[in-house]
PDB file of all heavy atoms in Angstrom:
ATOM      1  N   LYS A   1       8.939  -0.622  -6.594  1.00  0.00           N
ATOM      2  CA  LYS A   1       8.367  -1.761  -5.877  1.00  0.00           C
ATOM      3  C   LYS A   1       7.102  -1.350  -5.129  1.00  0.00           C
ATOM      4  O   LYS A   1       6.130  -2.114  -5.052  1.00  0.00           O
ATOM      5  CB  LYS A   1       9.394  -2.353  -4.909  1.00  0.00           C
ATOM      6  CG  LYS A   1      10.571  -3.019  -5.585  1.00  0.00           C
ATOM      7  CD  LYS A   1      11.527  -3.612  -4.552  1.00  0.00           C
ATOM      8  CE  LYS A   1      12.736  -4.260  -5.207  1.00  0.00           C
ATOM      9  NZ  LYS A   1      13.649  -4.863  -4.208  1.00  0.00           N
ATOM     10  N   LYS A   2       7.104  -0.150  -4.564  1.00  0.00           N
ATOM     11  CA  LYS A   2       5.903   0.336  -3.872  1.00  0.00           C
ATOM     12  C   LYS A   2       4.757   0.532  -4.855  1.00  0.00           C
ATOM     13  O   LYS A   2       3.602   0.208  -4.553  1.00  0.00           O
ATOM     14  CB  LYS A   2       6.213   1.652  -3.152  1.00  0.00           C
ATOM     15  CG  LYS A   2       7.182   1.521  -1.990  1.00  0.00           C
ATOM     16  CD  LYS A   2       7.536   2.894  -1.438  1.00  0.00           C
ATOM     17  CE  LYS A   2       8.664   2.808  -0.421  1.00  0.00           C
ATOM     18  NZ  LYS A   2       9.106   4.146   0.034  1.00  0.00           N
ATOM     19  N   ILE A   3       5.073   1.045  -6.032  1.00  0.00           N
ATOM     20  CA  ILE A   3       4.038   1.223  -7.058  1.00  0.00           C
ATOM     21  C   ILE A   3       3.498  -0.132  -7.490  1.00  0.00           C
ATOM     22  O   ILE A   3       2.285  -0.321  -7.630  1.00  0.00           O
ATOM     23  CB  ILE A   3       4.609   2.003  -8.257  1.00  0.00           C
ATOM     24  CG1 ILE A   3       4.899   3.458  -7.837  1.00  0.00           C
ATOM     25  CG2 ILE A   3       3.649   1.969  -9.444  1.00  0.00           C
ATOM     26  CD1 ILE A   3       5.651   4.256  -8.883  1.00  0.00           C
ATOM     27  N   LEU A   4       4.393  -1.098  -7.703  1.00  0.00           N
ATOM     28  CA  LEU A   4       3.974  -2.462  -8.039  1.00  0.00           C
ATOM     29  C   LEU A   4       3.044  -3.003  -6.962  1.00  0.00           C
ATOM     30  O   LEU A   4       1.974  -3.555  -7.263  1.00  0.00           O
ATOM     31  CB  LEU A   4       5.205  -3.364  -8.184  1.00  0.00           C
ATOM     32  CG  LEU A   4       4.953  -4.884  -8.202  1.00  0.00           C
ATOM     33  CD1 LEU A   4       4.109  -5.279  -9.412  1.00  0.00           C
ATOM     34  CD2 LEU A   4       6.286  -5.650  -8.203  1.00  0.00           C
ATOM     35  N   ALA A   5       3.442  -2.859  -5.701  1.00  0.00           N
ATOM     36  CA  ALA A   5       2.651  -3.395  -4.591  1.00  0.00           C
ATOM     37  C   ALA A   5       1.271  -2.758  -4.537  1.00  0.00           C
ATOM     38  O   ALA A   5       0.252  -3.446  -4.369  1.00  0.00           O
ATOM     39  CB  ALA A   5       3.394  -3.167  -3.274  1.00  0.00           C
ATOM     40  N   THR A   6       1.219  -1.447  -4.691  1.00  0.00           N
ATOM     41  CA  THR A   6      -0.065  -0.745  -4.601  1.00  0.00           C
ATOM     42  C   THR A   6      -0.966  -1.070  -5.781  1.00  0.00           C
ATOM     43  O   THR A   6      -2.172  -1.310  -5.618  1.00  0.00           O
ATOM     44  CB  THR A   6       0.166   0.772  -4.497  1.00  0.00           C
ATOM     45  OG1 THR A   6       0.946   1.039  -3.314  1.00  0.00           O
ATOM     46  CG2 THR A   6      -1.153   1.528  -4.403  1.00  0.00           C
ATOM     47  N   GLU A   7      -0.402  -1.121  -6.996  1.00  0.00           N
ATOM     48  CA  GLU A   7      -1.216  -1.417  -8.179  1.00  0.00           C
ATOM     49  C   GLU A   7      -1.718  -2.860  -8.165  1.00  0.00           C
ATOM     50  O   GLU A   7      -2.879  -3.125  -8.492  1.00  0.00           O
ATOM     51  CB  GLU A   7      -0.407  -1.149  -9.454  1.00  0.00           C
ATOM     52  CG  GLU A   7      -0.083   0.310  -9.692  1.00  0.00           C
ATOM     53  CD  GLU A   7      -1.314   1.174  -9.844  1.00  0.00           C
ATOM     54  OE1 GLU A   7      -2.265   0.733 -10.539  1.00  0.00           O
ATOM     55  OE2 GLU A   7      -1.351   2.276  -9.267  1.00  0.00           O
ATOM     56  N   ALA A   8      -0.865  -3.796  -7.793  1.00  0.00           N
ATOM     57  CA  ALA A   8      -1.278  -5.201  -7.747  1.00  0.00           C
ATOM     58  C   ALA A   8      -2.325  -5.420  -6.656  1.00  0.00           C
ATOM     59  O   ALA A   8      -3.289  -6.170  -6.837  1.00  0.00           O
ATOM     60  CB  ALA A   8      -0.067  -6.100  -7.505  1.00  0.00           C
ATOM     61  N   THR A   9      -2.146  -4.755  -5.519  1.00  0.00           N
ATOM     62  CA  THR A   9      -3.102  -4.884  -4.419  1.00  0.00           C
ATOM     63  C   THR A   9      -4.428  -4.227  -4.768  1.00  0.00           C
ATOM     64  O   THR A   9      -5.504  -4.737  -4.429  1.00  0.00           O
ATOM     65  CB  THR A   9      -2.519  -4.270  -3.136  1.00  0.00           C
ATOM     66  OG1 THR A   9      -1.263  -4.888  -2.836  1.00  0.00           O
ATOM     67  CG2 THR A   9      -3.460  -4.470  -1.956  1.00  0.00           C
ATOM     68  N   ALA A  10      -4.376  -3.085  -5.459  1.00  0.00           N
ATOM     69  CA  ALA A  10      -5.611  -2.395  -5.857  1.00  0.00           C
ATOM     70  C   ALA A  10      -6.457  -3.268  -6.768  1.00  0.00           C
ATOM     71  O   ALA A  10      -7.692  -3.285  -6.667  1.00  0.00           O
ATOM     72  CB  ALA A  10      -5.267  -1.075  -6.540  1.00  0.00           C
ATOM     73  N   MET A  11      -5.821  -4.003  -7.664  1.00  0.00           N
ATOM     74  CA  MET A  11      -6.563  -4.851  -8.590  1.00  0.00           C
ATOM     75  C   MET A  11      -7.278  -5.975  -7.846  1.00  0.00           C
ATOM     76  O   MET A  11      -8.393  -6.358  -8.184  1.00  0.00           O
ATOM     77  CB  MET A  11      -5.627  -5.437  -9.652  1.00  0.00           C
ATOM     78  CG  MET A  11      -6.359  -5.988 -10.860  1.00  0.00           C
ATOM     79  SD  MET A  11      -5.261  -6.738 -12.085  1.00  0.00           S
ATOM     80  CE  MET A  11      -4.215  -5.365 -12.512  1.00  0.00           C
ATOM     81  N   CYS A  12      -6.659  -6.486  -6.789  1.00  0.00           N
ATOM     82  CA  CYS A  12      -7.214  -7.621  -6.062  1.00  0.00           C
ATOM     83  C   CYS A  12      -8.161  -7.190  -4.942  1.00  0.00           C
ATOM     84  O   CYS A  12      -9.189  -7.825  -4.711  1.00  0.00           O
ATOM     85  CB  CYS A  12      -6.074  -8.462  -5.493  1.00  0.00           C
ATOM     86  SG  CYS A  12      -6.604  -9.996  -4.695  1.00  0.00           S
ATOM     87  N   HIS A  13      -7.821  -6.103  -4.246  1.00  0.00           N
ATOM     88  CA  HIS A  13      -8.569  -5.727  -3.042  1.00  0.00           C
ATOM     89  C   HIS A  13      -9.212  -4.343  -3.102  1.00  0.00           C
ATOM     90  O   HIS A  13      -9.883  -3.942  -2.153  1.00  0.00           O
ATOM     91  CB  HIS A  13      -7.640  -5.785  -1.828  1.00  0.00           C
ATOM     92  CG  HIS A  13      -7.139  -7.164  -1.511  1.00  0.00           C
ATOM     93  ND1 HIS A  13      -7.964  -8.178  -1.058  1.00  0.00           N
ATOM     94  CD2 HIS A  13      -5.903  -7.715  -1.602  1.00  0.00           C
ATOM     95  CE1 HIS A  13      -7.249  -9.280  -0.872  1.00  0.00           C
ATOM     96  NE2 HIS A  13      -6.003  -9.031  -1.202  1.00  0.00           N
ATOM     97  N   GLY A  14      -8.995  -3.617  -4.191  1.00  0.00           N
ATOM     98  CA  GLY A  14      -9.570  -2.283  -4.299  1.00  0.00           C
ATOM     99  C   GLY A  14      -8.541  -1.210  -4.000  1.00  0.00           C
ATOM    100  O   GLY A  14      -7.614  -1.414  -3.210  1.00  0.00           O
ATOM    101  N   ARG A  15      -8.719  -0.043  -4.616  1.00  0.00           N
ATOM    102  CA  ARG A  15      -7.761   1.053  -4.490  1.00  0.00           C
ATOM    103  C   ARG A  15      -7.644   1.542  -3.054  1.00  0.00           C
ATOM    104  O   ARG A  15      -6.545   1.793  -2.556  1.00  0.00           O
ATOM    105  CB  ARG A  15      -8.180   2.197  -5.427  1.00  0.00           C
ATOM    106  CG  ARG A  15      -7.304   3.435  -5.398  1.00  0.00           C
ATOM    107  CD  ARG A  15      -5.922   3.211  -5.956  1.00  0.00           C
ATOM    108  NE  ARG A  15      -5.946   2.657  -7.290  1.00  0.00           N
ATOM    109  CZ  ARG A  15      -4.838   2.318  -7.963  1.00  0.00           C
ATOM    110  NH1 ARG A  15      -3.638   2.467  -7.397  1.00  0.00           N
ATOM    111  NH2 ARG A  15      -4.920   1.813  -9.179  1.00  0.00           N
ATOM    112  N   ALA A  16      -8.770   1.686  -2.363  1.00  0.00           N
ATOM    113  CA  ALA A  16      -8.740   2.219  -1.000  1.00  0.00           C
ATOM    114  C   ALA A  16      -7.939   1.311  -0.069  1.00  0.00           C
ATOM    115  O   ALA A  16      -7.118   1.783   0.735  1.00  0.00           O
ATOM    116  CB  ALA A  16     -10.165   2.408  -0.476  1.00  0.00           C
ATOM    117  N   ALA A  17      -8.157   0.009  -0.166  1.00  0.00           N
ATOM    118  CA  ALA A  17      -7.440  -0.942   0.692  1.00  0.00           C
ATOM    119  C   ALA A  17      -5.953  -0.945   0.369  1.00  0.00           C
ATOM    120  O   ALA A  17      -5.109  -1.054   1.271  1.00  0.00           O
ATOM    121  CB  ALA A  17      -8.019  -2.346   0.517  1.00  0.00           C
ATOM    122  N   ALA A  18      -5.617  -0.813  -0.911  1.00  0.00           N
ATOM    123  CA  ALA A  18      -4.205  -0.796  -1.319  1.00  0.00           C
ATOM    124  C   ALA A  18      -3.500   0.437  -0.767  1.00  0.00           C
ATOM    125  O   ALA A  18      -2.379   0.345  -0.249  1.00  0.00           O
ATOM    126  CB  ALA A  18      -4.099  -0.831  -2.838  1.00  0.00           C
ATOM    127  N   GLU A  19      -4.136   1.580  -0.876  1.00  0.00           N
ATOM    128  CA  GLU A  19      -3.514   2.820  -0.391  1.00  0.00           C
ATOM    129  C   GLU A  19      -3.418   2.819   1.136  1.00  0.00           C
ATOM    130  O   GLU A  19      -2.472   3.371   1.700  1.00  0.00           O
ATOM    131  CB  GLU A  19      -4.308   4.016  -0.892  1.00  0.00           C
ATOM    132  CG  GLU A  19      -4.181   4.194  -2.414  1.00  0.00           C
ATOM    133  CD  GLU A  19      -5.000   5.342  -2.962  1.00  0.00           C
ATOM    134  OE1 GLU A  19      -5.830   5.893  -2.193  1.00  0.00           O
ATOM    135  OE2 GLU A  19      -4.837   5.680  -4.153  1.00  0.00           O
ATOM    136  N   LYS A  20      -4.372   2.195   1.783  1.00  0.00           N
ATOM    137  CA  LYS A  20      -4.319   2.062   3.243  1.00  0.00           C
ATOM    138  C   LYS A  20      -3.133   1.188   3.656  1.00  0.00           C
ATOM    139  O   LYS A  20      -2.412   1.504   4.613  1.00  0.00           O
ATOM    140  CB  LYS A  20      -5.622   1.458   3.750  1.00  0.00           C
ATOM    141  CG  LYS A  20      -5.744   1.384   5.261  1.00  0.00           C
ATOM    142  CD  LYS A  20      -7.120   0.835   5.648  1.00  0.00           C
ATOM    143  CE  LYS A  20      -7.286   0.765   7.151  1.00  0.00           C
ATOM    144  NZ  LYS A  20      -8.626   0.211   7.517  1.00  0.00           N
ATOM    145  N   ALA A  21      -2.913   0.093   2.917  1.00  0.00           N
ATOM    146  CA  ALA A  21      -1.773  -0.789   3.202  1.00  0.00           C
ATOM    147  C   ALA A  21      -0.459  -0.059   2.977  1.00  0.00           C
ATOM    148  O   ALA A  21       0.493  -0.200   3.757  1.00  0.00           O
ATOM    149  CB  ALA A  21      -1.848  -2.039   2.320  1.00  0.00           C
ATOM    150  N   GLU A  22      -0.393   0.740   1.910  1.00  0.00           N
ATOM    151  CA  GLU A  22       0.820   1.510   1.635  1.00  0.00           C
ATOM    152  C   GLU A  22       1.084   2.519   2.747  1.00  0.00           C
ATOM    153  O   GLU A  22       2.232   2.684   3.197  1.00  0.00           O
ATOM    154  CB  GLU A  22       0.695   2.227   0.295  1.00  0.00           C
ATOM    155  CG  GLU A  22       1.942   3.021  -0.090  1.00  0.00           C
ATOM    156  CD  GLU A  22       1.815   3.717  -1.425  1.00  0.00           C
ATOM    157  OE1 GLU A  22       0.697   3.818  -1.949  1.00  0.00           O
ATOM    158  OE2 GLU A  22       2.858   4.158  -1.959  1.00  0.00           O
ATOM    159  N   ALA A  23       0.037   3.188   3.222  1.00  0.00           N
ATOM    160  CA  ALA A  23       0.195   4.168   4.304  1.00  0.00           C
ATOM    161  C   ALA A  23       0.640   3.488   5.588  1.00  0.00           C
ATOM    162  O   ALA A  23       1.474   4.028   6.342  1.00  0.00           O
ATOM    163  CB  ALA A  23      -1.118   4.909   4.522  1.00  0.00           C
ATOM    164  N   THR A  24       0.115   2.280   5.842  1.00  0.00           N
ATOM    165  CA  THR A  24       0.523   1.525   7.034  1.00  0.00           C
ATOM    166  C   THR A  24       2.005   1.186   6.970  1.00  0.00           C
ATOM    167  O   THR A  24       2.733   1.323   7.955  1.00  0.00           O
ATOM    168  CB  THR A  24      -0.306   0.224   7.146  1.00  0.00           C
ATOM    169  OG1 THR A  24      -1.684   0.563   7.282  1.00  0.00           O
ATOM    170  CG2 THR A  24       0.131  -0.599   8.348  1.00  0.00           C
ATOM    171  N   ALA A  25       2.454   0.747   5.799  1.00  0.00           N
ATOM    172  CA  ALA A  25       3.868   0.417   5.629  1.00  0.00           C
ATOM    173  C   ALA A  25       4.740   1.656   5.810  1.00  0.00           C
ATOM    174  O   ALA A  25       5.798   1.594   6.447  1.00  0.00           O
ATOM    175  CB  ALA A  25       4.096  -0.190   4.250  1.00  0.00           C
ATOM    176  N   LEU A  26       4.311   2.766   5.255  1.00  0.00           N
ATOM    177  CA  LEU A  26       5.075   4.014   5.374  1.00  0.00           C
ATOM    178  C   LEU A  26       5.225   4.415   6.830  1.00  0.00           C
ATOM    179  O   LEU A  26       6.315   4.779   7.285  1.00  0.00           O
ATOM    180  CB  LEU A  26       4.381   5.124   4.582  1.00  0.00           C
ATOM    181  CG  LEU A  26       5.092   6.477   4.531  1.00  0.00           C
ATOM    182  CD1 LEU A  26       6.393   6.351   3.749  1.00  0.00           C
ATOM    183  CD2 LEU A  26       4.193   7.524   3.884  1.00  0.00           C
ATOM    184  N   GLU A  27       4.133   4.329   7.575  1.00  0.00           N
ATOM    185  CA  GLU A  27       4.170   4.701   8.995  1.00  0.00           C
ATOM    186  C   GLU A  27       5.039   3.748   9.794  1.00  0.00           C
ATOM    187  O   GLU A  27       5.790   4.150  10.684  1.00  0.00           O
ATOM    188  CB  GLU A  27       2.747   4.710   9.559  1.00  0.00           C
ATOM    189  CG  GLU A  27       2.670   5.117  11.017  1.00  0.00           C
ATOM    190  CD  GLU A  27       1.249   5.138  11.548  1.00  0.00           C
ATOM    191  OE1 GLU A  27       0.304   5.067  10.727  1.00  0.00           O
ATOM    192  OE2 GLU A  27       1.090   5.216  12.775  1.00  0.00           O
ATOM    193  N   THR A  28       4.963   2.460   9.464  1.00  0.00           N
ATOM    194  CA  THR A  28       5.682   1.442  10.239  1.00  0.00           C
ATOM    195  C   THR A  28       7.182   1.451   9.966  1.00  0.00           C
ATOM    196  O   THR A  28       7.997   1.394  10.888  1.00  0.00           O
ATOM    197  CB  THR A  28       5.122   0.044   9.927  1.00  0.00           C
ATOM    198  OG1 THR A  28       3.718   0.027  10.217  1.00  0.00           O
ATOM    199  CG2 THR A  28       5.829  -1.019  10.753  1.00  0.00           C
ATOM    200  N   PHE A  29       7.549   1.535   8.682  1.00  0.00           N
ATOM    201  CA  PHE A  29       8.956   1.375   8.322  1.00  0.00           C
ATOM    202  C   PHE A  29       9.712   2.690   8.215  1.00  0.00           C
ATOM    203  O   PHE A  29      10.879   2.765   8.553  1.00  0.00           O
ATOM    204  CB  PHE A  29       9.077   0.628   6.994  1.00  0.00           C
ATOM    205  CG  PHE A  29       8.471  -0.746   7.037  1.00  0.00           C
ATOM    206  CD1 PHE A  29       7.450  -1.104   6.171  1.00  0.00           C
ATOM    207  CD2 PHE A  29       8.908  -1.674   7.961  1.00  0.00           C
ATOM    208  CE1 PHE A  29       6.884  -2.360   6.225  1.00  0.00           C
ATOM    209  CE2 PHE A  29       8.343  -2.933   8.019  1.00  0.00           C
ATOM    210  CZ  PHE A  29       7.330  -3.283   7.150  1.00  0.00           C
ATOM    211  N   GLU A  30       9.047   3.722   7.739  1.00  0.00           N
ATOM    212  CA  GLU A  30       9.755   4.973   7.498  1.00  0.00           C
ATOM    213  C   GLU A  30       9.458   6.015   8.563  1.00  0.00           C
ATOM    214  O   GLU A  30      10.275   6.891   8.823  1.00  0.00           O
ATOM    215  CB  GLU A  30       9.395   5.506   6.100  1.00  0.00           C
ATOM    216  CG  GLU A  30       9.820   4.542   4.998  1.00  0.00           C
ATOM    217  CD  GLU A  30       9.412   5.015   3.608  1.00  0.00           C
ATOM    218  OE1 GLU A  30       9.173   6.234   3.449  1.00  0.00           O
ATOM    219  OE2 GLU A  30       9.333   4.180   2.690  1.00  0.00           O
ATOM    220  N   GLY A  31       8.281   5.880   9.190  1.00  0.00           N
ATOM    221  CA  GLY A  31       7.937   6.855  10.224  1.00  0.00           C
ATOM    222  C   GLY A  31       8.290   6.396  11.615  1.00  0.00           C
ATOM    223  O   GLY A  31       8.216   7.158  12.573  1.00  0.00           O
ATOM    224  N   GLY A  32       8.642   5.094  11.740  1.00  0.00           N
ATOM    225  CA  GLY A  32       9.025   4.578  13.043  1.00  0.00           C
ATOM    226  C   GLY A  32       7.864   4.386  13.989  1.00  0.00           C
ATOM    227  O   GLY A  32       8.041   4.215  15.193  1.00  0.00           O
TER     228      GLY A  32
END
């Protein structure tokens, strides 16, 4: 699901923005 989210977001908003969103989610949900 994370790969789906990042790939779909990269196509619409660019790779950098997608990876930034993924890192934000990782910090928020898994890093506390």
